[in-house]
């Protein structure tokens, strides 16, 4: 019988530790794709907004999942509120240019129906601005249209002035991938 040395025990322990770390890493990266974790909440409101503004339902669900995970009372550290995480300046802009007469105040955006209506209208405006390019519209929804306009003119970020090959804001770069992933999951689970 062979004698087990301290060195053998250390090597075995190290190998086991690496295996356990890799297993935990894969488990942490694994996204649970179920209808429970990707629900069709606010379905009637989203269907109506999708039809009203001509925005893909899966995109709307992808944005809401990414922004608030369907929490109508969500508030970001930057002050964005509601399901679609709208900022006060976006609300004022939408009030000024795209809404007729109403008496809404910013806090009314905690109402899911109003928040979704405004948020989907913002997406619609951005999609029109970028000729239907969802990626650019999503980046503008997160990082601002002014920034996206500059990036599209810069060969470092866009080869054709229409699509973004790279985004200089890490938050916006991550955001566009999350929304695209969530949209894809919603399409796979419900709309394909």
Protein backbone atom coordinates (compact mmCIF):
# COMPACT_ATOMS: atom_id res chain seq x y z
CA UNK A 1 0.00 0.00 0.00
CA UNK A 2 1.25 3.41 -0.96
CA UNK A 3 1.82 6.02 1.70
CA UNK A 4 -0.12 9.29 1.32
CA UNK A 5 2.16 12.26 1.73
CA UNK A 6 1.25 15.71 2.96
CA UNK A 7 2.07 17.02 -0.49
CA UNK A 8 -0.45 14.61 -2.09
CA UNK A 9 -3.14 15.73 0.35
CA UNK A 10 -2.45 19.40 -0.45
CA UNK A 11 -2.57 18.76 -4.22
CA UNK A 12 -5.83 16.83 -3.89
CA UNK A 13 -7.33 19.54 -1.67
CA UNK A 14 -6.28 22.23 -4.14
CA UNK A 15 -7.80 20.34 -7.08
CA UNK A 16 -11.04 19.84 -5.15
CA UNK A 17 -11.12 23.52 -4.21
CA UNK A 18 -10.72 24.54 -7.86
CA UNK A 19 -13.50 22.13 -8.89
CA UNK A 20 -15.82 23.51 -6.21
CA UNK A 21 -15.04 27.10 -7.22
CA UNK A 22 -15.73 26.34 -10.88
CA UNK A 23 -18.99 24.60 -9.96
CA UNK A 24 -20.14 27.61 -7.91
CA UNK A 25 -19.10 29.99 -10.68
CA UNK A 26 -21.15 28.09 -13.28
CA UNK A 27 -24.09 27.90 -10.90
CA UNK A 28 -23.93 31.66 -10.25
CA UNK A 29 -23.81 32.40 -13.99
CA UNK A 30 -26.68 30.06 -14.77
CA UNK A 31 -29.85 32.09 -15.27
CA UNK A 32 -32.96 30.27 -14.19
CA UNK A 33 -35.16 30.49 -17.26
CA UNK A 34 -38.66 29.63 -16.13
CA UNK A 35 -42.03 31.28 -16.56
CA UNK A 36 -41.92 32.00 -12.83
CA UNK A 37 -38.68 33.97 -13.14
CA UNK A 38 -39.78 35.62 -16.43
CA UNK A 39 -43.50 36.29 -15.85
CA UNK A 40 -46.07 37.99 -18.06
CA UNK A 41 -47.06 40.56 -15.45
CA UNK A 42 -49.16 43.55 -16.50
CA UNK A 43 -50.03 41.67 -19.68
CA UNK A 44 -53.13 43.69 -20.64
CA UNK A 45 -51.35 47.02 -20.09
CA UNK A 46 -48.29 45.89 -22.04
CA UNK A 47 -50.41 44.48 -24.88
CA UNK A 48 -52.29 47.79 -25.16
CA UNK A 49 -49.10 49.89 -25.09
CA UNK A 50 -47.43 47.58 -27.62
CA UNK A 51 -50.32 47.99 -30.00
CA UNK A 52 -50.72 51.74 -29.36
CA UNK A 53 -47.05 52.59 -30.01
CA UNK A 54 -46.01 49.72 -32.31
CA UNK A 55 -43.31 48.42 -29.95
CA UNK A 56 -42.53 44.70 -29.72
CA UNK A 57 -44.02 43.12 -26.56
CA UNK A 58 -40.90 41.06 -25.92
CA UNK A 59 -38.82 44.25 -25.95
CA UNK A 60 -41.16 45.89 -23.44
CA UNK A 61 -40.96 42.86 -21.15
CA UNK A 62 -37.17 42.79 -21.59
CA UNK A 63 -36.86 46.44 -20.54
CA UNK A 64 -39.17 46.07 -17.53
CA UNK A 65 -37.41 42.87 -16.38
CA UNK A 66 -34.05 44.65 -16.65
CA UNK A 67 -35.15 47.96 -15.14
CA UNK A 68 -37.25 46.92 -12.14
CA UNK A 69 -37.90 43.18 -12.26
CA UNK A 70 -41.62 44.13 -12.28
CA UNK A 71 -41.52 46.15 -9.06
CA UNK A 72 -43.92 49.10 -9.59
CA UNK A 73 -42.46 50.84 -6.52
CA UNK A 74 -38.83 50.62 -7.67
CA UNK A 75 -36.72 53.74 -7.26
CA UNK A 76 -33.11 53.96 -8.39
CA UNK A 77 -30.34 55.86 -6.66
CA UNK A 78 -30.47 58.29 -9.61
CA UNK A 79 -34.16 58.97 -8.96
CA UNK A 80 -35.76 56.88 -11.74
CA UNK A 81 -39.08 55.40 -10.65
CA UNK A 82 -41.58 52.69 -11.44
CA UNK A 83 -41.60 49.64 -13.65
CA UNK A 84 -39.73 51.24 -16.55
CA UNK A 85 -37.54 53.45 -14.33
CA UNK A 86 -38.37 56.84 -15.80
CA UNK A 87 -36.49 59.96 -14.73
CA UNK A 88 -38.13 63.26 -13.84
CA UNK A 89 -36.59 65.04 -16.85
CA UNK A 90 -37.92 62.34 -19.19
CA UNK A 91 -41.36 62.73 -17.61
CA UNK A 92 -41.29 66.51 -18.11
CA UNK A 93 -40.11 66.07 -21.71
CA UNK A 94 -42.91 63.60 -22.43
CA UNK A 95 -45.43 65.93 -20.77
CA UNK A 96 -44.26 68.90 -22.82
CA UNK A 97 -44.03 67.28 -26.23
CA UNK A 98 -46.11 64.13 -26.33
CA UNK A 99 -49.04 64.40 -23.92
CA UNK A 100 -52.11 66.55 -24.30
CA UNK A 101 -53.88 67.96 -21.30
CA UNK A 102 -53.42 66.17 -17.99
CA UNK A 103 -52.61 66.89 -14.40
CA UNK A 104 -50.02 64.18 -13.80
CA UNK A 105 -47.12 64.69 -11.46
CA UNK A 106 -43.89 62.68 -11.48
CA UNK A 107 -44.97 60.45 -8.58
CA UNK A 108 -47.95 59.28 -10.67
CA UNK A 109 -45.41 57.16 -12.54
CA UNK A 110 -45.63 54.64 -9.70
CA UNK A 111 -48.95 53.68 -11.33
CA UNK A 112 -48.08 50.71 -13.58
CA UNK A 113 -50.46 51.74 -16.39
CA UNK A 114 -49.10 55.28 -16.62
CA UNK A 115 -45.48 54.19 -16.22
CA UNK A 116 -45.77 51.57 -18.97
CA UNK A 117 -47.59 54.01 -21.27
CA UNK A 118 -44.90 56.67 -20.86
CA UNK A 119 -42.02 54.18 -20.97
CA UNK A 120 -43.25 52.47 -24.13
CA UNK A 121 -43.86 55.83 -25.76
CA UNK A 122 -40.25 56.79 -24.97
CA UNK A 123 -39.11 53.52 -26.57
CA UNK A 124 -41.29 54.26 -29.60
CA UNK A 125 -39.80 57.74 -30.01
CA UNK A 126 -36.27 56.32 -29.71
CA UNK A 127 -36.97 53.50 -32.17
CA UNK A 128 -38.20 56.08 -34.70
CA UNK A 129 -35.18 58.28 -34.04
CA UNK A 130 -32.84 55.36 -34.80
CA UNK A 131 -34.81 53.95 -37.74
CA UNK A 132 -35.99 50.87 -35.85
CA UNK A 133 -32.53 49.96 -34.54
CA UNK A 134 -33.44 48.40 -31.18
CA UNK A 135 -29.87 48.28 -29.96
CA UNK A 136 -29.36 52.04 -30.43
CA UNK A 137 -32.80 52.77 -28.93
CA UNK A 138 -32.04 50.61 -25.87
CA UNK A 139 -28.69 52.35 -25.39
CA UNK A 140 -30.43 55.74 -25.64
CA UNK A 141 -33.09 54.63 -23.15
CA UNK A 142 -30.32 53.95 -20.65
CA UNK A 143 -27.50 56.31 -21.56
CA UNK A 144 -29.32 59.16 -23.28
CA UNK A 145 -29.99 59.94 -26.93
CA UNK A 146 -27.37 62.71 -26.99
CA UNK A 147 -24.65 60.23 -26.10
CA UNK A 148 -25.85 57.65 -28.63
CA UNK A 149 -25.95 60.32 -31.36
CA UNK A 150 -22.30 61.17 -30.61
CA UNK A 151 -21.25 57.51 -30.52
CA UNK A 152 -22.90 56.80 -33.87
CA UNK A 153 -20.84 59.63 -35.43
CA UNK A 154 -17.58 58.34 -33.93
CA UNK A 155 -15.78 55.61 -35.95
CA UNK A 156 -14.41 54.27 -32.68
CA UNK A 157 -17.96 53.21 -31.72
CA UNK A 158 -19.78 52.82 -35.05
CA UNK A 159 -18.62 51.77 -38.50
CA UNK A 160 -21.74 52.83 -40.37
CA UNK A 161 -23.31 55.61 -38.28
CA UNK A 162 -26.34 53.40 -37.62
CA UNK A 163 -25.17 50.54 -35.42
CA UNK A 164 -23.02 50.55 -32.32
CA UNK A 165 -20.11 48.15 -32.30
CA UNK A 166 -18.99 49.34 -28.87
CA UNK A 167 -20.40 51.49 -26.08
CA UNK A 168 -18.02 53.55 -23.92
CA UNK A 169 -20.30 53.52 -20.84
CA UNK A 170 -19.96 50.18 -19.05
CA UNK A 171 -23.42 50.52 -17.50
CA UNK A 172 -25.04 51.09 -20.90
CA UNK A 173 -22.99 48.30 -22.51
CA UNK A 174 -24.16 45.86 -19.81
CA UNK A 175 -27.71 47.20 -20.00
CA UNK A 176 -28.06 46.59 -23.73
CA UNK A 177 -26.90 42.99 -23.33
CA UNK A 178 -29.29 42.37 -20.42
CA UNK A 179 -32.27 43.79 -22.28
CA UNK A 180 -31.41 41.79 -25.41
CA UNK A 181 -31.02 38.60 -23.34
CA UNK A 182 -34.29 39.21 -21.49
CA UNK A 183 -36.12 39.99 -24.74
CA UNK A 184 -34.80 36.78 -26.24
CA UNK A 185 -35.92 34.76 -23.21
CA UNK A 186 -39.42 36.27 -23.41
CA UNK A 187 -39.58 35.41 -27.10
CA UNK A 188 -38.50 31.83 -26.39
CA UNK A 189 -40.92 31.35 -23.51
CA UNK A 190 -44.02 33.07 -24.89
CA UNK A 191 -43.86 34.61 -28.35
CA UNK A 192 -42.17 32.17 -30.75
